[in-house]
Amino acid sequence: MSIAEYMKKVGQQARVASATAARATTLKKNNALLYTAELLDQNRITLTSENNRDLERGQANGLTDAMLDRLTLTPKRIDSMIEGLHQVAALADPIGTISGMSYRPSGIQVGKMTVPLGVIGIIYESRPNVTIEAASLCLKSGNATILRGGSEAIHSNQALASYIRQGLIKAELSEHVIQVVETTDREAVGHLITMPEYVDVIVPRGGKGLIERISRDARVPVIKHLDGICHTYIDAAADMDKAIRIAVNAKTQRYGVCNTMETLLVHEAIARTVLPALADKYAQFDVELRGCDKTAEIIQCKAAQEEDWSTEYLAPILSIRVVEDMEQAIEHINHYGSHHTDVIVTENYTLAREFLAAVDSSSVMVNASSRFADGFEYGLGAEIGISTDKIHARGPVGLEGLTSQKFIVFGDGHIRQ
């Protein structure tokens, strides 16, 4: 069977399964999630073994440390996948919810019902935990999904696919509600993003090159963000202890993820106080600092180049700029940022509210690490991705982002005059 024939078959199966998924009871959907969680817990050793096969091959193929970090399924990450399945099962089922009912002068009642999107294609790199996160959210929101992970995670993803399939069957749902593409051939992606007759939405998760290609070539709508150039601005009115904790965590808690801080902005009034303290902390993590001229007058660092301000490092590298005031910080963020997540550290809540209103990003935070920009942390149970678009879904995309609405009308023999 050719790749084209295989992907057409997968698409056809997904389209048929989407009708049953849309009508599946909450009980069946939750049971499938909980059965899958049990299987993950019972098969930790096998899953870790399959993940190690991917890691060994990744190291041999020269994957970067950031990519290997994304690929690794640690015991903690397996715990998180299991917890995520339980959280999604515990969430209210949005499908079929009716809202906004009102009587019109004609006597009819008009409202809206929440419905699934249909078939969602998800293309992602490295992170096998995305397989579980995406599958759980698509299932709970009544959608069928086609998952296409990267070739570097093929063994991990196939193991997870088997647990998902068993969970669906045990819950008396079609195994085609969630399908993991079995081939690593890149041609499969080209077919997946150009099958509007079978796929309603594409969600890409991965590097900028992947997302740019999908956005350019897709023939179906795309929910996406290109990169995560996240900022933390330390204001003159910041609490120094809070500022240091937040700025260190935002950069060093994990390097290879999209909500990691890549640029630190510091008000010039407190730069000589906070920057030396932060430099000492970053040195403990071997973080390379690249600063503007004012930064270089205060701490030892490499000279930041223009391209540094618009670079997502995904590595222990941080660019630093000293700014005159919050307005200059906002201008910098809106010019160089990726509209992902940006933070202000300040005790002046008047300024904080101005920052919240002025920064054009999908998540804007006050006195918290940018690492919290995550569906799990936002109480969504998990996320299918983060969108920096402004139409349909923005920010971490959970259950609501995977649904649409249709108008419903109740009458009692009403006719239009």
Protein backbone atom coordinates (compact mmCIF):
# COMPACT_ATOMS: atom_id res chain seq x y z
CA MET A 1 0.00 0.00 0.00
CA SER A 2 1.39 3.41 -0.97
CA ILE A 3 1.63 6.30 1.52
CA ALA A 4 -1.21 8.07 -0.31
CA GLU A 5 -3.44 5.00 -0.07
CA TYR A 6 -2.54 4.46 3.58
CA MET A 7 -3.30 8.05 4.57
CA LYS A 8 -6.58 8.00 2.64
CA LYS A 9 -7.58 4.89 4.58
CA VAL A 10 -6.64 6.53 7.88
CA GLY A 11 -8.64 9.63 6.91
CA GLN A 12 -11.69 7.62 5.92
CA GLN A 13 -11.59 5.67 9.17
CA ALA A 14 -11.27 8.90 11.16
CA ARG A 15 -14.22 10.51 9.37
CA VAL A 16 -16.47 7.53 10.10
CA ALA A 17 -15.23 7.37 13.70
CA SER A 18 -15.84 11.09 14.23
CA ALA A 19 -19.59 10.54 13.96
CA THR A 20 -19.52 7.96 16.77
CA ALA A 21 -17.14 10.08 18.86
CA ALA A 22 -19.50 13.05 18.63
CA ARG A 23 -22.35 10.96 20.02
CA ALA A 24 -20.34 8.99 22.59
CA THR A 25 -21.59 9.27 26.15
CA THR A 26 -19.50 11.03 28.76
CA LEU A 27 -19.24 7.71 30.63
CA LYS A 28 -17.73 5.89 27.68
CA LYS A 29 -15.26 8.67 26.96
CA ASN A 30 -14.18 8.85 30.59
CA ASN A 31 -13.87 5.07 30.81
CA ALA A 32 -11.56 5.04 27.77
CA LEU A 33 -9.36 7.69 29.42
CA LEU A 34 -9.22 5.88 32.75
CA TYR A 35 -8.54 2.48 31.14
CA THR A 36 -5.67 4.06 29.20
CA ALA A 37 -4.28 5.53 32.44
CA GLU A 38 -4.37 2.07 34.03
CA LEU A 39 -2.50 0.58 31.08
CA LEU A 40 0.18 3.28 31.26
CA ASP A 41 0.69 2.56 34.94
CA GLN A 42 0.81 -1.19 34.37
CA ASN A 43 3.27 -0.96 31.48
CA ARG A 44 5.81 1.54 32.79
CA ILE A 45 8.74 -0.82 32.26
CA THR A 46 7.79 -1.61 28.67
CA LEU A 47 7.11 2.05 27.88
CA THR A 48 10.45 3.13 29.35
CA SER A 49 12.23 0.41 27.37
CA GLU A 50 10.64 1.60 24.11
CA ASN A 51 11.51 5.19 24.98
CA ASN A 52 15.13 4.17 25.61
CA ARG A 53 15.26 2.72 22.09
CA ASP A 54 14.27 6.12 20.74
CA LEU A 55 16.79 7.91 22.96
CA GLU A 56 19.66 5.64 21.91
CA ARG A 57 18.87 6.20 18.25
CA GLY A 58 18.46 9.93 18.85
CA GLN A 59 21.89 10.18 20.47
CA ALA A 60 23.42 8.21 17.62
CA ASN A 61 21.78 10.55 15.12
CA GLY A 62 23.10 13.64 16.91
CA LEU A 63 19.88 15.08 18.33
CA THR A 64 20.46 18.22 20.39
CA ASP A 65 20.17 18.16 24.17
CA ALA A 66 16.94 20.13 23.88
CA MET A 67 15.44 17.56 21.51
CA LEU A 68 16.59 14.66 23.69
CA ASP A 69 15.03 16.35 26.72
CA ARG A 70 11.71 16.62 24.90
CA LEU A 71 11.97 12.98 23.85
CA THR A 72 12.66 11.56 27.31
CA LEU A 73 9.84 9.90 29.26
CA THR A 74 11.03 10.16 32.85
CA PRO A 75 9.01 8.50 35.65
CA LYS A 76 7.75 11.99 36.54
CA ARG A 77 6.53 12.59 33.00
CA ILE A 78 4.78 9.22 32.92
CA ASP A 79 3.13 10.22 36.22
CA SER A 80 2.06 13.49 34.58
CA MET A 81 0.53 11.67 31.62
CA ILE A 82 -1.46 9.44 33.95
CA GLU A 83 -2.56 12.40 36.06
CA GLY A 84 -3.49 14.31 32.92
CA LEU A 85 -5.77 11.48 31.80
CA HIS A 86 -7.48 11.52 35.19
CA GLN A 87 -7.84 15.32 35.08
CA VAL A 88 -9.38 15.29 31.61
CA ALA A 89 -11.79 12.54 32.71
CA ALA A 90 -12.79 14.73 35.66
CA LEU A 91 -13.49 17.78 33.49
CA ALA A 92 -17.05 18.67 32.58
CA ASP A 93 -18.02 17.36 29.18
CA PRO A 94 -18.60 20.41 26.97
CA ILE A 95 -20.37 18.58 24.16
CA GLY A 96 -24.10 19.20 23.93
CA THR A 97 -24.02 22.16 26.30
CA ILE A 98 -26.69 24.71 25.38
CA SER A 99 -26.14 28.37 26.19
CA GLY A 100 -27.63 31.78 25.51
CA MET A 101 -31.21 30.64 25.01
CA SER A 102 -33.52 33.60 24.48
CA TYR A 103 -37.01 34.27 23.13
CA ARG A 104 -37.26 36.31 19.96
CA PRO A 105 -40.25 38.60 19.23
CA SER A 106 -41.55 35.95 16.83
CA GLY A 107 -41.86 33.50 19.71
CA ILE A 108 -39.04 31.15 18.72
CA GLN A 109 -36.19 30.37 21.14
CA VAL A 110 -32.63 30.76 19.84
CA GLY A 111 -29.44 29.52 21.48
CA LYS A 112 -26.14 27.79 20.82
CA MET A 113 -24.99 24.20 21.32
CA THR A 114 -21.34 23.19 21.79
CA VAL A 115 -20.24 20.61 19.21
CA PRO A 116 -16.97 18.89 18.23
CA LEU A 117 -14.80 20.18 15.40
CA GLY A 118 -14.80 16.73 13.76
CA VAL A 119 -11.44 15.22 12.78
CA ILE A 120 -8.30 16.84 14.13
CA GLY A 121 -4.88 16.09 12.66
CA ILE A 122 -1.98 16.65 15.03
CA ILE A 123 1.63 16.76 13.85
CA TYR A 124 4.36 16.98 16.46
CA GLU A 125 8.04 16.33 17.10
CA SER A 126 9.95 14.57 19.85
CA ARG A 127 7.58 14.77 22.81
CA PRO A 128 5.76 11.42 23.09
CA ASN A 129 3.68 12.75 25.99
CA VAL A 130 1.85 14.84 23.37
CA THR A 131 0.35 11.58 22.11
CA ILE A 132 -1.52 11.14 25.40
CA GLU A 133 -2.36 14.81 25.91
CA ALA A 134 -3.76 15.25 22.42
CA ALA A 135 -5.60 11.94 22.41
CA SER A 136 -7.28 12.63 25.75
CA LEU A 137 -8.48 16.12 24.87
CA CYS A 138 -9.70 15.16 21.41
CA LEU A 139 -11.62 12.21 22.81
CA LYS A 140 -13.24 14.14 25.67
CA SER A 141 -14.29 16.90 23.26
CA GLY A 142 -15.95 14.34 20.98
CA ASN A 143 -13.46 14.54 18.13
CA ALA A 144 -11.65 11.85 16.18
CA THR A 145 -7.94 12.47 15.79
CA ILE A 146 -5.03 11.44 13.61
CA LEU A 147 -1.70 11.74 15.42
CA ARG A 148 1.56 11.92 13.50
CA GLY A 149 4.59 12.01 15.80
CA GLY A 150 8.19 12.47 14.75
CA SER A 151 10.30 9.57 13.52
CA GLU A 152 12.62 10.08 16.51
CA ALA A 153 9.80 8.97 18.87
CA ILE A 154 8.33 6.14 16.79
CA HIS A 155 8.85 3.36 19.38
CA SER A 156 7.46 5.44 22.25
CA ASN A 157 4.46 6.56 20.22
CA GLN A 158 3.61 3.09 18.98
CA ALA A 159 3.67 1.79 22.56
CA LEU A 160 1.36 4.61 23.66
CA ALA A 161 -0.88 3.99 20.64
CA SER A 162 -1.38 0.38 21.69
CA TYR A 163 -2.52 1.45 25.18
CA ILE A 164 -4.90 4.05 23.75
CA ARG A 165 -6.35 1.51 21.32
CA GLN A 166 -6.90 -1.02 24.11
CA GLY A 167 -8.55 1.65 26.25
CA LEU A 168 -10.96 2.60 23.46
CA ILE A 169 -11.93 -0.99 22.76
CA LYS A 170 -12.46 -1.77 26.43
CA ALA A 171 -14.74 1.28 26.68
CA GLU A 172 -16.72 0.00 23.66
CA LEU A 173 -15.61 2.82 21.37
CA SER A 174 -14.16 2.54 17.87
CA GLU A 175 -10.39 2.06 17.87
CA HIS A 176 -10.30 4.50 14.95
CA VAL A 177 -11.41 7.42 17.12
CA ILE A 178 -7.71 7.90 17.86
CA GLN A 179 -5.19 6.76 15.26
CA VAL A 180 -1.41 7.11 15.44
CA VAL A 181 0.19 7.16 11.99
CA GLU A 182 2.44 4.13 11.73
CA THR A 183 4.81 5.31 9.01
CA THR A 184 7.73 7.68 9.56
CA ASP A 185 7.73 8.72 5.90
CA ARG A 186 7.45 12.51 5.67
CA GLU A 187 5.12 12.13 2.71
CA ALA A 188 2.42 11.19 5.22
CA VAL A 189 2.40 14.75 6.59
CA GLY A 190 1.89 16.17 3.12
CA HIS A 191 -1.22 14.04 2.66
CA LEU A 192 -2.58 14.69 6.16
CA ILE A 193 -2.57 18.47 5.73
CA THR A 194 -4.20 18.35 2.29
CA MET A 195 -7.21 16.12 2.99
CA PRO A 196 -10.05 18.58 3.76
CA GLU A 197 -12.57 15.86 2.94
CA TYR A 198 -11.34 13.89 5.96
CA VAL A 199 -9.60 16.41 8.26
CA ASP A 200 -11.22 19.55 9.72
CA VAL A 201 -8.32 21.12 11.65
CA ILE A 202 -4.54 20.67 11.83
CA VAL A 203 -2.55 21.36 15.01
CA PRO A 204 1.24 21.38 14.52
CA ARG A 205 3.57 21.17 17.52
CA GLY A 206 7.27 21.37 16.87
CA GLY A 207 10.04 23.50 15.48
CA LYS A 208 9.51 26.71 13.57
CA GLY A 209 10.42 25.07 10.26
CA LEU A 210 7.75 22.40 10.68
CA ILE A 211 5.04 24.88 11.59
CA GLU A 212 5.95 27.29 8.79
CA ARG A 213 5.77 24.45 6.26
CA ILE A 214 2.39 23.26 7.52
CA SER A 215 0.96 26.79 7.65
CA ARG A 216 2.13 27.35 4.08
CA ASP A 217 0.99 24.06 2.55
CA ALA A 218 -2.10 23.07 4.54
CA ARG A 219 -5.50 23.06 2.84
CA VAL A 220 -7.37 22.90 6.15
CA PRO A 221 -7.39 25.44 9.03
CA VAL A 222 -4.33 25.41 11.31
CA ILE A 223 -4.16 26.16 15.06
CA LYS A 224 -0.55 27.11 15.76
CA HIS A 225 2.24 29.14 17.26
CA LEU A 226 5.54 29.54 15.42
CA ASP A 227 7.89 29.98 18.36
CA GLY A 228 8.11 30.99 21.99
CA ILE A 229 10.15 34.14 22.46
CA CYS A 230 9.02 34.82 26.02
CA HIS A 231 10.04 37.83 28.09
CA THR A 232 10.27 38.69 31.77
CA TYR A 233 10.32 42.39 32.61
CA ILE A 234 11.60 43.33 36.08
CA ASP A 235 10.11 46.69 36.99
CA ALA A 236 11.62 49.34 39.27
CA ALA A 237 8.88 48.51 41.80
CA ALA A 238 9.67 44.79 41.85
CA ASP A 239 10.33 42.78 44.99
CA MET A 240 13.93 41.64 44.43
CA ASP A 241 13.50 38.19 45.99
CA LYS A 242 10.46 37.50 43.83
CA ALA A 243 12.20 38.86 40.74
CA ILE A 244 15.24 36.63 41.18
CA ARG A 245 13.18 33.49 41.86
CA ILE A 246 10.93 34.11 38.88
CA ALA A 247 13.71 35.04 36.44
CA VAL A 248 15.82 32.02 37.39
CA ASN A 249 12.92 29.58 37.19
CA ALA A 250 11.62 31.00 33.91
CA LYS A 251 14.99 30.34 32.26
CA THR A 252 16.40 27.25 33.95
CA GLN A 253 13.48 25.00 34.94
CA ARG A 254 13.51 23.54 31.40
CA TYR A 255 15.32 24.87 28.35
CA GLY A 256 13.72 23.03 25.44
CA VAL A 257 10.12 24.21 25.76
CA CYS A 258 8.19 27.10 24.24
CA ASN A 259 7.27 28.85 27.52
CA THR A 260 10.87 29.27 28.69
CA MET A 261 12.07 32.87 29.02
CA GLU A 262 14.46 33.85 26.23
CA THR A 263 14.85 37.59 26.95
CA LEU A 264 15.10 39.37 30.30
CA LEU A 265 14.21 43.08 30.43
CA VAL A 266 15.29 45.09 33.48
CA HIS A 267 14.35 48.64 34.50
CA GLU A 268 17.50 50.78 34.61
CA ALA A 269 16.70 52.02 38.14
CA ILE A 270 17.28 48.56 39.66
CA ALA A 271 19.61 47.02 37.07
CA ARG A 272 22.78 47.48 39.16
CA THR A 273 21.09 45.72 42.07
CA VAL A 274 19.36 42.79 40.40
CA LEU A 275 21.65 41.92 37.49
CA PRO A 276 24.75 40.92 39.53
CA ALA A 277 22.59 38.71 41.75
CA LEU A 278 20.97 37.09 38.73
CA ALA A 279 24.31 36.64 36.97
CA ASP A 280 25.58 34.65 39.95
CA LYS A 281 22.48 32.46 39.87
CA TYR A 282 22.69 31.86 36.12
CA ALA A 283 26.37 30.98 36.43
CA GLN A 284 25.35 28.05 38.65
CA PHE A 285 23.34 26.70 35.71
CA ASP A 286 26.02 27.55 33.09
CA VAL A 287 23.63 29.91 31.31
CA GLU A 288 25.35 32.01 28.65
CA LEU A 289 24.38 35.68 28.95
CA ARG A 290 24.15 38.04 25.99
CA GLY A 291 23.49 41.63 26.95
CA CYS A 292 22.99 45.11 25.58
CA ASP A 293 25.64 47.81 26.13
CA LYS A 294 24.10 48.89 29.46
CA THR A 295 24.01 45.28 30.66
CA ALA A 296 27.68 44.82 29.72
CA GLU A 297 28.59 47.80 31.93
CA ILE A 298 27.13 45.97 34.95
CA ILE A 299 27.91 42.25 34.47
CA GLN A 300 30.19 40.10 32.35
CA CYS A 301 28.34 38.93 29.24
CA LYS A 302 28.66 38.55 25.50
CA ALA A 303 27.45 41.43 23.37
CA ALA A 304 23.89 40.84 22.22
CA GLN A 305 23.35 41.13 18.47
CA GLU A 306 20.16 42.30 16.79
CA GLU A 307 19.14 38.72 15.97
CA ASP A 308 19.35 37.72 19.64
CA TRP A 309 16.20 39.69 20.46
CA SER A 310 14.16 37.58 18.01
CA THR A 311 15.77 34.19 18.70
CA GLU A 312 14.15 31.26 20.50
CA TYR A 313 17.26 29.60 21.92
CA LEU A 314 15.72 26.48 23.51
CA ALA A 315 19.10 26.28 25.24
CA PRO A 316 20.94 27.72 28.28
CA ILE A 317 21.35 31.10 26.60
CA LEU A 318 19.65 34.31 27.74
CA SER A 319 19.55 37.77 26.16
CA ILE A 320 19.30 40.74 28.54
CA ARG A 321 18.34 44.34 27.89
CA VAL A 322 18.21 47.26 30.31
CA VAL A 323 15.22 49.50 29.51
CA GLU A 324 14.31 53.03 30.54
CA ASP A 325 10.80 52.19 31.74
CA MET A 326 7.84 49.87 31.28
CA GLU A 327 6.80 51.58 28.06
CA GLN A 328 10.10 50.70 26.47
CA ALA A 329 9.77 47.13 27.75
CA ILE A 330 6.30 46.84 26.20
CA GLU A 331 7.58 48.25 22.90
CA HIS A 332 10.40 45.69 22.91
CA ILE A 333 8.04 42.79 23.68
CA ASN A 334 5.46 43.71 21.06
CA HIS A 335 8.18 44.25 18.43
CA TYR A 336 10.43 41.23 19.03
CA GLY A 337 8.14 38.80 20.83
CA SER A 338 6.17 35.89 19.39
CA HIS A 339 2.91 36.74 21.24
CA HIS A 340 3.31 33.64 23.38
CA THR A 341 3.90 34.48 27.07
CA ASP A 342 5.28 37.60 28.74
CA VAL A 343 5.72 38.52 32.40
CA ILE A 344 6.01 41.64 34.54
CA VAL A 345 7.48 41.49 38.04
CA THR A 346 6.28 44.46 40.05
CA GLU A 347 4.53 45.45 43.27
CA ASN A 348 2.84 48.37 41.49
CA TYR A 349 -0.46 46.88 40.40
CA THR A 350 -1.47 50.00 38.48
CA LEU A 351 1.50 49.39 36.22
CA ALA A 352 0.75 45.67 36.19
CA ARG A 353 -2.75 46.30 34.83
CA GLU A 354 -1.35 48.60 32.14
CA PHE A 355 1.12 45.86 31.19
CA LEU A 356 -1.67 43.26 31.03
CA ALA A 357 -3.66 45.48 28.69
CA ALA A 358 -0.79 46.61 26.46
CA VAL A 359 1.19 43.42 25.85
CA ASP A 360 -0.25 41.60 22.82
CA SER A 361 0.40 38.00 23.83
CA SER A 362 -1.73 34.91 24.36
CA SER A 363 -0.66 34.75 28.04
CA VAL A 364 0.40 37.78 30.11
CA MET A 365 1.45 37.28 33.73
CA VAL A 366 2.14 39.30 36.85
CA ASN A 367 4.70 38.03 39.37
CA ALA A 368 4.78 34.46 38.05
CA SER A 369 7.16 32.39 35.94
CA SER A 370 6.39 32.08 32.24
CA ARG A 371 6.76 28.32 32.72
CA PHE A 372 3.17 28.31 34.01
CA ALA A 373 1.88 28.93 30.46
CA ASP A 374 0.68 25.39 30.06
CA GLY A 375 -2.68 23.70 29.78
CA PHE A 376 -2.00 21.38 32.70
CA GLU A 377 -1.07 24.31 34.95
CA TYR A 378 -4.08 26.32 33.74
CA GLY A 379 -6.42 23.57 34.88
CA LEU A 380 -7.28 22.40 31.37
CA GLY A 381 -6.20 18.85 32.25
CA ALA A 382 -3.77 18.92 29.35
CA GLU A 383 -3.30 20.93 26.19
CA ILE A 384 -3.28 20.11 22.54
CA GLY A 385 -0.98 23.03 21.85
CA ILE A 386 -0.62 26.76 22.32
CA SER A 387 -2.11 29.16 19.83
CA THR A 388 -0.83 32.68 19.25
CA ASP A 389 -3.52 33.29 16.64
CA LYS A 390 -6.47 35.52 17.50
CA ILE A 391 -9.29 33.65 15.81
CA HIS A 392 -11.06 30.65 17.37
CA ALA A 393 -8.49 29.65 20.03
CA ARG A 394 -5.74 31.63 21.75
CA GLY A 395 -3.25 30.50 24.40
CA PRO A 396 -3.17 26.90 25.67
CA VAL A 397 -5.80 24.97 23.73
CA GLY A 398 -7.86 22.65 25.89
CA LEU A 399 -11.35 21.22 25.57
CA GLU A 400 -13.10 24.46 24.64
CA GLY A 401 -10.56 25.18 21.91
CA LEU A 402 -11.44 21.87 20.27
CA THR A 403 -15.14 22.66 20.00
CA SER A 404 -17.35 24.93 17.95
CA GLN A 405 -20.95 26.04 18.31
CA LYS A 406 -24.04 25.77 16.22
CA PHE A 407 -27.25 27.72 16.51
CA ILE A 408 -30.28 25.81 17.70
CA VAL A 409 -33.88 26.98 17.45
CA PHE A 410 -37.01 25.80 19.30
CA GLY A 411 -40.42 26.54 17.94
CA ASP A 412 -43.97 25.23 18.32
CA GLY A 413 -45.33 25.37 14.82
CA HIS A 414 -43.98 28.87 14.29
CA ILE A 415 -43.91 30.23 10.74
CA ARG A 416 -42.31 33.42 9.51
CA GLN A 417 -44.77 36.15 8.56
